[in-house]
Amino acid sequence: MSSMQSHRRPAPRRERFQDLCDAETLVVSVLRLWAEPLREPERQHPHWQDGMTAAGLSNDAAVAFDTLMRIVLSATNRPLDLHRPPCPALGTDEALLLDMLRLAQQGQHGEAGVLMNDWLSLTAVRMAMAPLCVLAGALARAGLTLPDPGKTSHMPSRPVTGPIDQLRDRPRPTADRGATLLH
């Protein structure tokens, strides 16, 4: 197993949205709501910032999220796998954003940047790291720490009593650091 395989979820397995913890649910919901006006600009859409405000995040977190996603949108080197709000599955790039934020919260900024390189050129990664880190810090300060899927216990099914209980049967994140050297 390469060193990056411990940081990224495997692509073939699709997680269910309902299995995410509260912090992950917030991030994915905000991401999906942020993308909706880009898909259907003529329709009315809920304000993606409302969830962040309700979760106790500052305006700085919303600005960081918007800046990050605008950089990604303008500089991405491939189409992103982002699902619509009612979709029960987790998109590959939704999971990738969760992994990047988790790594940034853990102080593993280089690893988060390597994962981001799946979306962006190295120049754009350097631009996008600051808003990613601001967002990760704001989430952590609000008590919204993104869990490490590889460090959860596999317990038998039981009623969900809290966010940590929703982490059963999560795939271990993986990535290949060497792939960033190939363009």
N, C-alpha and C. Protein backbone atom coordinates (compact mmCIF):
# COMPACT_ATOMS: atom_id res chain seq x y z
N MET A 1 0.85 -1.18 0.00
CA MET A 1 0.00 0.00 0.00
C MET A 1 0.90 1.23 0.00
N SER A 2 0.67 2.14 -0.94
CA SER A 2 1.48 3.36 -1.00
C SER A 2 1.08 4.29 0.13
N SER A 3 1.91 5.30 0.36
CA SER A 3 1.64 6.22 1.46
C SER A 3 0.34 6.99 1.28
N MET A 4 -0.07 7.27 0.06
CA MET A 4 -1.29 8.05 -0.17
C MET A 4 -2.55 7.20 -0.06
N GLN A 5 -2.42 5.88 -0.16
CA GLN A 5 -3.61 5.06 -0.07
C GLN A 5 -4.29 5.17 1.27
N SER A 6 -3.61 5.69 2.26
CA SER A 6 -4.23 5.85 3.57
C SER A 6 -5.04 7.13 3.67
N HIS A 7 -5.08 7.95 2.62
CA HIS A 7 -5.75 9.24 2.70
C HIS A 7 -7.03 9.35 1.88
N ARG A 8 -7.28 8.46 0.97
CA ARG A 8 -8.39 8.62 0.03
C ARG A 8 -9.29 7.41 0.01
N ARG A 9 -10.58 7.66 -0.07
CA ARG A 9 -11.55 6.58 -0.17
C ARG A 9 -11.39 5.88 -1.51
N PRO A 10 -11.59 4.57 -1.57
CA PRO A 10 -11.52 3.89 -2.86
C PRO A 10 -12.69 4.32 -3.75
N ALA A 11 -12.42 4.53 -5.02
CA ALA A 11 -13.42 5.05 -5.94
C ALA A 11 -14.58 4.10 -6.22
N PRO A 12 -14.38 2.79 -6.37
CA PRO A 12 -15.50 1.94 -6.77
C PRO A 12 -16.64 1.87 -5.77
N ARG A 13 -16.34 1.93 -4.48
CA ARG A 13 -17.39 1.80 -3.48
C ARG A 13 -18.11 3.12 -3.28
N ARG A 14 -19.41 3.08 -3.29
CA ARG A 14 -20.23 4.28 -3.07
C ARG A 14 -20.79 4.25 -1.67
N GLU A 15 -20.54 5.28 -0.92
CA GLU A 15 -21.10 5.40 0.41
C GLU A 15 -22.50 5.99 0.30
N ARG A 16 -23.27 5.79 1.34
CA ARG A 16 -24.60 6.37 1.38
C ARG A 16 -24.54 7.68 2.15
N PHE A 17 -25.27 8.66 1.64
CA PHE A 17 -25.33 9.97 2.27
C PHE A 17 -25.81 9.85 3.71
N GLN A 18 -26.78 8.99 3.95
CA GLN A 18 -27.36 8.86 5.28
C GLN A 18 -26.38 8.27 6.29
N ASP A 19 -25.27 7.69 5.84
CA ASP A 19 -24.29 7.12 6.75
C ASP A 19 -23.23 8.12 7.20
N LEU A 20 -23.29 9.34 6.68
CA LEU A 20 -22.30 10.35 7.05
C LEU A 20 -22.59 10.91 8.43
N CYS A 21 -21.54 11.35 9.12
CA CYS A 21 -21.73 12.01 10.42
C CYS A 21 -22.24 13.43 10.17
N ASP A 22 -22.55 14.14 11.23
CA ASP A 22 -23.14 15.48 11.11
C ASP A 22 -22.24 16.44 10.35
N ALA A 23 -20.95 16.47 10.66
CA ALA A 23 -20.02 17.38 9.98
C ALA A 23 -19.94 17.06 8.49
N GLU A 24 -19.87 15.79 8.16
CA GLU A 24 -19.80 15.37 6.76
C GLU A 24 -21.09 15.70 6.03
N THR A 25 -22.22 15.47 6.68
CA THR A 25 -23.52 15.78 6.09
C THR A 25 -23.62 17.26 5.77
N LEU A 26 -23.17 18.10 6.70
CA LEU A 26 -23.20 19.54 6.47
C LEU A 26 -22.37 19.91 5.24
N VAL A 27 -21.14 19.42 5.16
CA VAL A 27 -20.25 19.78 4.05
C VAL A 27 -20.84 19.33 2.72
N VAL A 28 -21.32 18.09 2.65
CA VAL A 28 -21.86 17.57 1.39
C VAL A 28 -23.15 18.30 1.02
N SER A 29 -23.99 18.59 1.99
CA SER A 29 -25.23 19.32 1.71
C SER A 29 -24.95 20.71 1.18
N VAL A 30 -24.01 21.41 1.82
CA VAL A 30 -23.65 22.75 1.37
C VAL A 30 -23.07 22.69 -0.04
N LEU A 31 -22.21 21.71 -0.29
CA LEU A 31 -21.63 21.55 -1.62
C LEU A 31 -22.71 21.32 -2.68
N ARG A 32 -23.64 20.44 -2.39
CA ARG A 32 -24.71 20.16 -3.36
C ARG A 32 -25.59 21.38 -3.59
N LEU A 33 -25.92 22.09 -2.52
CA LEU A 33 -26.75 23.29 -2.68
C LEU A 33 -25.98 24.40 -3.40
N TRP A 34 -24.69 24.49 -3.18
CA TRP A 34 -23.86 25.48 -3.88
C TRP A 34 -23.86 25.21 -5.38
N ALA A 35 -23.83 23.94 -5.77
CA ALA A 35 -23.75 23.57 -7.18
C ALA A 35 -25.09 23.66 -7.91
N GLU A 36 -26.19 23.58 -7.22
CA GLU A 36 -27.51 23.56 -7.86
C GLU A 36 -27.77 24.75 -8.78
N PRO A 37 -27.51 25.99 -8.38
CA PRO A 37 -27.76 27.12 -9.31
C PRO A 37 -26.91 27.06 -10.58
N LEU A 38 -25.80 26.35 -10.53
CA LEU A 38 -24.99 26.18 -11.74
C LEU A 38 -25.64 25.21 -12.71
N ARG A 39 -26.39 24.26 -12.18
CA ARG A 39 -27.09 23.28 -13.01
C ARG A 39 -28.37 23.87 -13.61
N GLU A 40 -29.11 24.61 -12.80
CA GLU A 40 -30.39 25.18 -13.21
C GLU A 40 -30.46 26.64 -12.77
N PRO A 41 -29.80 27.52 -13.49
CA PRO A 41 -29.75 28.93 -13.05
C PRO A 41 -31.10 29.64 -13.07
N GLU A 42 -32.05 29.17 -13.84
CA GLU A 42 -33.33 29.85 -13.95
C GLU A 42 -34.28 29.53 -12.79
N ARG A 43 -33.99 28.55 -11.99
CA ARG A 43 -34.85 28.17 -10.87
C ARG A 43 -34.42 28.83 -9.57
N GLN A 44 -35.36 28.92 -8.63
CA GLN A 44 -35.06 29.38 -7.28
C GLN A 44 -34.42 28.22 -6.51
N HIS A 45 -33.42 28.52 -5.72
CA HIS A 45 -32.72 27.48 -4.95
C HIS A 45 -32.55 27.96 -3.51
N PRO A 46 -32.49 27.00 -2.57
CA PRO A 46 -32.21 27.39 -1.19
C PRO A 46 -30.81 28.02 -1.09
N HIS A 47 -30.62 28.87 -0.13
CA HIS A 47 -29.32 29.49 0.08
C HIS A 47 -28.40 28.49 0.76
N TRP A 48 -27.30 28.15 0.12
CA TRP A 48 -26.38 27.17 0.66
C TRP A 48 -25.74 27.65 1.97
N GLN A 49 -25.67 28.96 2.20
CA GLN A 49 -25.04 29.49 3.41
C GLN A 49 -25.89 29.25 4.66
N ASP A 50 -27.18 29.04 4.50
CA ASP A 50 -28.07 28.89 5.65
C ASP A 50 -27.67 27.73 6.55
N GLY A 51 -27.26 26.62 5.97
CA GLY A 51 -26.83 25.46 6.77
C GLY A 51 -25.58 25.76 7.56
N MET A 52 -24.68 26.52 6.96
CA MET A 52 -23.45 26.88 7.66
C MET A 52 -23.75 27.79 8.84
N THR A 53 -24.65 28.74 8.63
CA THR A 53 -25.04 29.65 9.71
C THR A 53 -25.72 28.89 10.84
N ALA A 54 -26.63 27.98 10.47
CA ALA A 54 -27.35 27.18 11.47
C ALA A 54 -26.39 26.30 12.28
N ALA A 55 -25.28 25.89 11.66
CA ALA A 55 -24.30 25.05 12.35
C ALA A 55 -23.34 25.87 13.21
N GLY A 56 -23.50 27.19 13.22
CA GLY A 56 -22.66 28.04 14.05
C GLY A 56 -21.37 28.47 13.39
N LEU A 57 -21.28 28.32 12.07
CA LEU A 57 -20.07 28.73 11.35
C LEU A 57 -20.13 30.22 11.03
N SER A 58 -18.98 30.84 11.03
CA SER A 58 -18.89 32.27 10.76
C SER A 58 -19.02 32.55 9.27
N ASN A 59 -19.18 33.82 8.95
CA ASN A 59 -19.21 34.23 7.55
C ASN A 59 -17.89 33.90 6.86
N ASP A 60 -16.79 33.91 7.62
CA ASP A 60 -15.49 33.54 7.04
C ASP A 60 -15.51 32.13 6.47
N ALA A 61 -16.21 31.22 7.12
CA ALA A 61 -16.31 29.84 6.63
C ALA A 61 -17.05 29.81 5.30
N ALA A 62 -18.13 30.58 5.20
CA ALA A 62 -18.90 30.63 3.95
C ALA A 62 -18.07 31.25 2.82
N VAL A 63 -17.34 32.31 3.13
CA VAL A 63 -16.48 32.94 2.13
C VAL A 63 -15.39 31.97 1.69
N ALA A 64 -14.79 31.25 2.65
CA ALA A 64 -13.75 30.28 2.31
C ALA A 64 -14.30 29.16 1.44
N PHE A 65 -15.50 28.66 1.79
CA PHE A 65 -16.11 27.60 0.99
C PHE A 65 -16.37 28.10 -0.44
N ASP A 66 -16.98 29.26 -0.55
CA ASP A 66 -17.30 29.81 -1.87
C ASP A 66 -16.02 30.06 -2.68
N THR A 67 -15.00 30.59 -2.05
CA THR A 67 -13.73 30.84 -2.75
C THR A 67 -13.11 29.54 -3.21
N LEU A 68 -13.07 28.56 -2.33
CA LEU A 68 -12.53 27.25 -2.69
C LEU A 68 -13.25 26.68 -3.90
N MET A 69 -14.57 26.68 -3.85
CA MET A 69 -15.33 26.06 -4.94
C MET A 69 -15.24 26.87 -6.23
N ARG A 70 -15.12 28.18 -6.14
CA ARG A 70 -14.94 28.99 -7.35
C ARG A 70 -13.58 28.72 -7.99
N ILE A 71 -12.55 28.53 -7.17
CA ILE A 71 -11.24 28.16 -7.72
C ILE A 71 -11.34 26.80 -8.39
N VAL A 72 -11.97 25.85 -7.71
CA VAL A 72 -12.11 24.50 -8.28
C VAL A 72 -12.91 24.56 -9.58
N LEU A 73 -14.01 25.28 -9.58
CA LEU A 73 -14.86 25.37 -10.76
C LEU A 73 -14.12 26.00 -11.94
N SER A 74 -13.33 27.02 -11.68
CA SER A 74 -12.65 27.71 -12.78
C SER A 74 -11.40 27.00 -13.25
N ALA A 75 -10.81 26.16 -12.43
CA ALA A 75 -9.52 25.57 -12.80
C ALA A 75 -9.51 24.05 -12.85
N THR A 76 -10.66 23.42 -12.63
CA THR A 76 -10.67 21.96 -12.61
C THR A 76 -10.23 21.39 -13.95
N ASN A 77 -9.56 20.26 -13.88
CA ASN A 77 -9.08 19.63 -15.10
C ASN A 77 -9.96 18.47 -15.55
N ARG A 78 -11.12 18.31 -14.89
CA ARG A 78 -12.05 17.24 -15.27
C ARG A 78 -13.43 17.55 -14.70
N PRO A 79 -14.47 16.91 -15.23
CA PRO A 79 -15.82 17.09 -14.65
C PRO A 79 -15.85 16.52 -13.23
N LEU A 80 -16.56 17.20 -12.35
CA LEU A 80 -16.66 16.75 -10.97
C LEU A 80 -17.88 15.88 -10.76
N ASP A 81 -17.75 14.89 -9.90
CA ASP A 81 -18.84 13.98 -9.56
C ASP A 81 -19.54 14.51 -8.31
N LEU A 82 -20.47 15.44 -8.53
CA LEU A 82 -21.26 16.02 -7.45
C LEU A 82 -22.71 15.64 -7.69
N HIS A 83 -23.36 15.10 -6.68
CA HIS A 83 -24.72 14.64 -6.84
C HIS A 83 -25.72 15.74 -6.50
N ARG A 84 -26.97 15.51 -6.91
CA ARG A 84 -28.06 16.43 -6.60
C ARG A 84 -28.44 16.28 -5.13
N PRO A 85 -29.04 17.31 -4.53
CA PRO A 85 -29.37 17.24 -3.09
C PRO A 85 -30.15 16.00 -2.64
N PRO A 86 -31.13 15.50 -3.38
CA PRO A 86 -31.85 14.34 -2.82
C PRO A 86 -31.15 12.99 -3.04
N CYS A 87 -30.02 12.96 -3.71
CA CYS A 87 -29.37 11.69 -4.05
C CYS A 87 -28.88 10.97 -2.78
N PRO A 88 -29.17 9.67 -2.65
CA PRO A 88 -28.74 8.94 -1.46
C PRO A 88 -27.27 8.48 -1.51
N ALA A 89 -26.64 8.56 -2.68
CA ALA A 89 -25.25 8.12 -2.81
C ALA A 89 -24.30 9.30 -2.61
N LEU A 90 -23.07 9.00 -2.31
CA LEU A 90 -22.05 10.02 -2.14
C LEU A 90 -21.19 10.05 -3.38
N GLY A 91 -21.07 11.22 -4.01
CA GLY A 91 -20.24 11.37 -5.20
C GLY A 91 -18.76 11.21 -4.88
N THR A 92 -18.02 10.76 -5.85
CA THR A 92 -16.58 10.56 -5.67
C THR A 92 -15.90 11.85 -5.23
N ASP A 93 -16.26 12.95 -5.85
CA ASP A 93 -15.63 14.21 -5.51
C ASP A 93 -16.18 14.82 -4.23
N GLU A 94 -17.37 14.45 -3.84
CA GLU A 94 -17.89 14.84 -2.54
C GLU A 94 -17.04 14.16 -1.45
N ALA A 95 -16.76 12.87 -1.64
CA ALA A 95 -15.91 12.14 -0.70
C ALA A 95 -14.49 12.71 -0.70
N LEU A 96 -14.01 13.11 -1.85
CA LEU A 96 -12.67 13.68 -1.94
C LEU A 96 -12.58 14.99 -1.15
N LEU A 97 -13.60 15.83 -1.24
CA LEU A 97 -13.61 17.07 -0.46
C LEU A 97 -13.61 16.77 1.03
N LEU A 98 -14.38 15.78 1.45
CA LEU A 98 -14.40 15.39 2.87
C LEU A 98 -13.01 14.95 3.31
N ASP A 99 -12.34 14.17 2.49
CA ASP A 99 -10.99 13.70 2.82
C ASP A 99 -10.01 14.87 2.91
N MET A 100 -10.11 15.82 1.98
CA MET A 100 -9.21 16.98 2.01
C MET A 100 -9.43 17.80 3.27
N LEU A 101 -10.68 18.04 3.63
CA LEU A 101 -10.98 18.82 4.83
C LEU A 101 -10.52 18.09 6.08
N ARG A 102 -10.72 16.79 6.14
CA ARG A 102 -10.26 16.00 7.29
C ARG A 102 -8.75 16.09 7.43
N LEU A 103 -8.04 15.94 6.33
CA LEU A 103 -6.58 16.03 6.38
C LEU A 103 -6.13 17.42 6.81
N ALA A 104 -6.79 18.45 6.31
CA ALA A 104 -6.44 19.82 6.70
C ALA A 104 -6.71 20.02 8.20
N GLN A 105 -7.79 19.47 8.72
CA GLN A 105 -8.07 19.58 10.15
C GLN A 105 -7.00 18.87 10.98
N GLN A 106 -6.42 17.82 10.43
CA GLN A 106 -5.38 17.06 11.14
C GLN A 106 -3.99 17.66 10.93
N GLY A 107 -3.91 18.78 10.23
CA GLY A 107 -2.62 19.42 9.99
C GLY A 107 -1.81 18.78 8.87
N GLN A 108 -2.42 17.90 8.11
CA GLN A 108 -1.74 17.21 7.01
C GLN A 108 -2.02 17.96 5.70
N HIS A 109 -1.55 19.19 5.63
CA HIS A 109 -1.85 20.07 4.50
C HIS A 109 -1.25 19.56 3.20
N GLY A 110 -0.05 19.01 3.25
CA GLY A 110 0.56 18.48 2.04
C GLY A 110 -0.25 17.35 1.45
N GLU A 111 -0.73 16.46 2.30
CA GLU A 111 -1.55 15.34 1.83
C GLU A 111 -2.87 15.83 1.25
N ALA A 112 -3.46 16.84 1.90
CA ALA A 112 -4.70 17.42 1.37
C ALA A 112 -4.45 18.03 0.00
N GLY A 113 -3.31 18.70 -0.17
CA GLY A 113 -2.96 19.28 -1.47
C GLY A 113 -2.74 18.23 -2.54
N VAL A 114 -2.16 17.11 -2.15
CA VAL A 114 -1.96 16.02 -3.12
C VAL A 114 -3.31 15.49 -3.60
N LEU A 115 -4.26 15.35 -2.68
CA LEU A 115 -5.60 14.91 -3.08
C LEU A 115 -6.25 15.95 -3.98
N MET A 116 -6.06 17.23 -3.66
CA MET A 116 -6.65 18.29 -4.46
C MET A 116 -6.08 18.31 -5.87
N ASN A 117 -4.87 17.81 -6.02
CA ASN A 117 -4.24 17.76 -7.33
C ASN A 117 -5.01 16.84 -8.28
N ASP A 118 -5.93 16.04 -7.76
CA ASP A 118 -6.81 15.23 -8.62
C ASP A 118 -7.77 16.13 -9.38
N TRP A 119 -8.09 17.30 -8.82
CA TRP A 119 -8.99 18.27 -9.44
C TRP A 119 -8.24 19.35 -10.21
N LEU A 120 -7.12 19.80 -9.65
CA LEU A 120 -6.50 21.04 -10.08
C LEU A 120 -5.02 20.86 -10.43
N SER A 121 -4.51 21.81 -11.21
CA SER A 121 -3.07 21.87 -11.46
C SER A 121 -2.38 22.28 -10.16
N LEU A 122 -1.08 22.08 -10.10
CA LEU A 122 -0.35 22.44 -8.88
C LEU A 122 -0.46 23.93 -8.56
N THR A 123 -0.49 24.77 -9.58
CA THR A 123 -0.64 26.21 -9.36
C THR A 123 -1.99 26.51 -8.71
N ALA A 124 -3.05 25.91 -9.22
CA ALA A 124 -4.38 26.12 -8.65
C ALA A 124 -4.49 25.52 -7.25
N VAL A 125 -3.81 24.40 -7.02
CA VAL A 125 -3.81 23.80 -5.69
C VAL A 125 -3.24 24.80 -4.68
N ARG A 126 -2.14 25.45 -5.05
CA ARG A 126 -1.55 26.45 -4.14
C ARG A 126 -2.54 27.57 -3.83
N MET A 127 -3.32 27.98 -4.81
CA MET A 127 -4.33 29.03 -4.59
C MET A 127 -5.47 28.53 -3.71
N ALA A 128 -5.86 27.28 -3.89
CA ALA A 128 -7.03 26.74 -3.20
C ALA A 128 -6.73 26.24 -1.79
N MET A 129 -5.47 26.05 -1.44
CA MET A 129 -5.16 25.53 -0.10
C MET A 129 -5.55 26.49 1.02
N ALA A 130 -5.37 27.79 0.81
CA ALA A 130 -5.72 28.75 1.87
C ALA A 130 -7.20 28.68 2.22
N PRO A 131 -8.12 28.78 1.25
CA PRO A 131 -9.54 28.68 1.65
C PRO A 131 -9.90 27.30 2.20
N LEU A 132 -9.26 26.24 1.72
CA LEU A 132 -9.51 24.91 2.27
C LEU A 132 -9.15 24.88 3.75
N CYS A 133 -7.99 25.42 4.10
CA CYS A 133 -7.53 25.42 5.49
C CYS A 133 -8.39 26.33 6.37
N VAL A 134 -8.83 27.47 5.84
CA VAL A 134 -9.72 28.35 6.60
C VAL A 134 -11.03 27.62 6.89
N LEU A 135 -11.58 26.96 5.89
CA LEU A 135 -12.83 26.22 6.07
C LEU A 135 -12.65 25.08 7.07
N ALA A 136 -11.57 24.32 6.93
CA ALA A 136 -11.31 23.21 7.86
C ALA A 136 -11.18 23.72 9.29
N GLY A 137 -10.48 24.83 9.48
CA GLY A 137 -10.34 25.41 10.81
C GLY A 137 -11.66 25.90 11.38
N ALA A 138 -12.47 26.53 10.54
CA ALA A 138 -13.78 27.03 10.99
C ALA A 138 -14.68 25.87 11.41
N LEU A 139 -14.65 24.79 10.65
CA LEU A 139 -15.43 23.61 11.01
C LEU A 139 -14.97 23.05 12.35
N ALA A 140 -13.66 22.95 12.54
CA ALA A 140 -13.12 22.42 13.79
C ALA A 140 -13.49 23.31 14.98
N ARG A 141 -13.38 24.64 14.81
CA ARG A 141 -13.73 25.55 15.90
C ARG A 141 -15.21 25.46 16.27
N ALA A 142 -16.04 25.11 15.31
CA ALA A 142 -17.48 24.96 15.58
C ALA A 142 -17.82 23.57 16.12
N GLY A 143 -16.79 22.76 16.38
CA GLY A 143 -17.02 21.40 16.89
C GLY A 143 -17.39 20.40 15.82
N LEU A 144 -17.15 20.73 14.56
CA LEU A 144 -17.50 19.86 13.44
C LEU A 144 -16.23 19.22 12.88
N THR A 145 -15.69 18.28 13.63
CA THR A 145 -14.48 17.59 13.23
C THR A 145 -14.85 16.44 12.31
N LEU A 146 -14.17 16.37 11.18
CA LEU A 146 -14.43 15.29 10.24
C LEU A 146 -13.69 14.04 10.70
N PRO A 147 -14.39 12.93 10.84
CA PRO A 147 -13.78 11.71 11.38
C PRO A 147 -12.90 11.01 10.35
N ASP A 148 -11.97 10.25 10.86
CA ASP A 148 -11.11 9.43 10.02
C ASP A 148 -11.82 8.09 9.82
N PRO A 149 -12.30 7.80 8.60
CA PRO A 149 -13.06 6.57 8.38
C PRO A 149 -12.28 5.31 8.72
N GLY A 150 -10.95 5.36 8.63
CA GLY A 150 -10.14 4.18 8.90
C GLY A 150 -9.98 3.87 10.37
N LYS A 151 -10.33 4.79 11.25
CA LYS A 151 -10.14 4.59 12.68
C LYS A 151 -11.43 4.32 13.43
N THR A 152 -12.47 3.94 12.71
CA THR A 152 -13.74 3.66 13.37
C THR A 152 -13.86 2.16 13.58
N SER A 153 -14.58 1.79 14.60
CA SER A 153 -14.77 0.37 14.87
C SER A 153 -15.95 -0.14 14.06
N HIS A 154 -15.88 -1.40 13.72
CA HIS A 154 -16.98 -2.03 13.00
C HIS A 154 -17.85 -2.74 14.03
N MET A 155 -18.95 -2.10 14.36
CA MET A 155 -19.84 -2.63 15.38
C MET A 155 -21.07 -3.20 14.70
N PRO A 156 -21.75 -4.16 15.33
CA PRO A 156 -22.99 -4.66 14.75
C PRO A 156 -24.02 -3.56 14.66
N SER A 157 -24.97 -3.73 13.75
CA SER A 157 -26.01 -2.71 13.57
C SER A 157 -26.80 -2.52 14.84
N ARG A 158 -27.05 -1.27 15.15
CA ARG A 158 -27.87 -0.89 16.29
C ARG A 158 -28.43 0.49 15.99
N PRO A 159 -29.41 0.94 16.72
CA PRO A 159 -29.95 2.27 16.45
C PRO A 159 -28.86 3.32 16.58
N VAL A 160 -28.92 4.32 15.72
CA VAL A 160 -27.94 5.39 15.73
C VAL A 160 -28.22 6.31 16.90
N THR A 161 -27.19 6.54 17.74
CA THR A 161 -27.37 7.42 18.88
C THR A 161 -26.55 8.69 18.76
N GLY A 162 -25.67 8.79 17.79
CA GLY A 162 -24.85 9.98 17.61
C GLY A 162 -24.07 9.89 16.33
N PRO A 163 -23.39 10.96 15.95
CA PRO A 163 -22.67 10.99 14.68
C PRO A 163 -21.62 9.90 14.56
N ILE A 164 -20.92 9.57 15.63
CA ILE A 164 -19.87 8.57 15.54
C ILE A 164 -20.44 7.19 15.22
N ASP A 165 -21.68 6.95 15.63
CA ASP A 165 -22.30 5.67 15.35
C ASP A 165 -22.59 5.46 13.87
N GLN A 166 -22.61 6.52 13.10
CA GLN A 166 -22.93 6.42 11.68
C GLN A 166 -21.71 6.05 10.85
N LEU A 167 -20.57 5.83 11.47
CA LEU A 167 -19.34 5.60 10.73
C LEU A 167 -19.02 4.13 10.47
N ARG A 168 -19.94 3.24 10.80
CA ARG A 168 -19.69 1.81 10.59
C ARG A 168 -19.51 1.50 9.11
N ASP A 169 -18.68 0.51 8.86
CA ASP A 169 -18.47 -0.02 7.51
C ASP A 169 -18.05 1.04 6.51
N ARG A 170 -17.19 1.95 6.90
CA ARG A 170 -16.68 2.99 6.00
C ARG A 170 -15.44 2.47 5.31
N PRO A 171 -15.26 2.74 4.02
CA PRO A 171 -14.04 2.33 3.35
C PRO A 171 -12.86 3.18 3.83
N ARG A 172 -11.69 2.59 3.82
CA ARG A 172 -10.47 3.33 4.20
C ARG A 172 -10.06 4.19 3.02
N PRO A 173 -9.79 5.48 3.23
CA PRO A 173 -9.40 6.37 2.15
C PRO A 173 -8.05 5.94 1.56
N THR A 174 -7.92 6.11 0.24
CA THR A 174 -6.66 5.77 -0.43
C THR A 174 -6.34 6.79 -1.50
N ALA A 175 -5.08 6.94 -1.80
CA ALA A 175 -4.61 7.77 -2.90
C ALA A 175 -3.18 7.36 -3.21
N ASP A 176 -2.71 7.67 -4.38
CA ASP A 176 -1.35 7.32 -4.78
C ASP A 176 -0.55 8.60 -4.95
N ARG A 177 0.34 8.89 -4.01
CA ARG A 177 1.12 10.11 -4.04
C ARG A 177 1.98 10.18 -5.29
N GLY A 178 2.48 9.07 -5.77
CA GLY A 178 3.34 9.08 -6.95
C GLY A 178 2.62 9.54 -8.21
N ALA A 179 1.31 9.39 -8.26
CA ALA A 179 0.56 9.77 -9.46
C ALA A 179 0.62 11.28 -9.70
N THR A 180 0.90 12.06 -8.69
CA THR A 180 0.94 13.51 -8.89
C THR A 180 2.15 13.93 -9.73
N LEU A 181 3.11 13.05 -9.84
CA LEU A 181 4.28 13.37 -10.63
C LEU A 181 4.05 13.15 -12.12
N LEU A 182 2.98 12.44 -12.46
CA LEU A 182 2.68 12.15 -13.86
C LEU A 182 1.59 13.08 -14.36
N HIS A 183 1.84 13.79 -15.45
CA HIS A 183 0.84 14.71 -16.00
C HIS A 183 0.44 14.27 -17.38
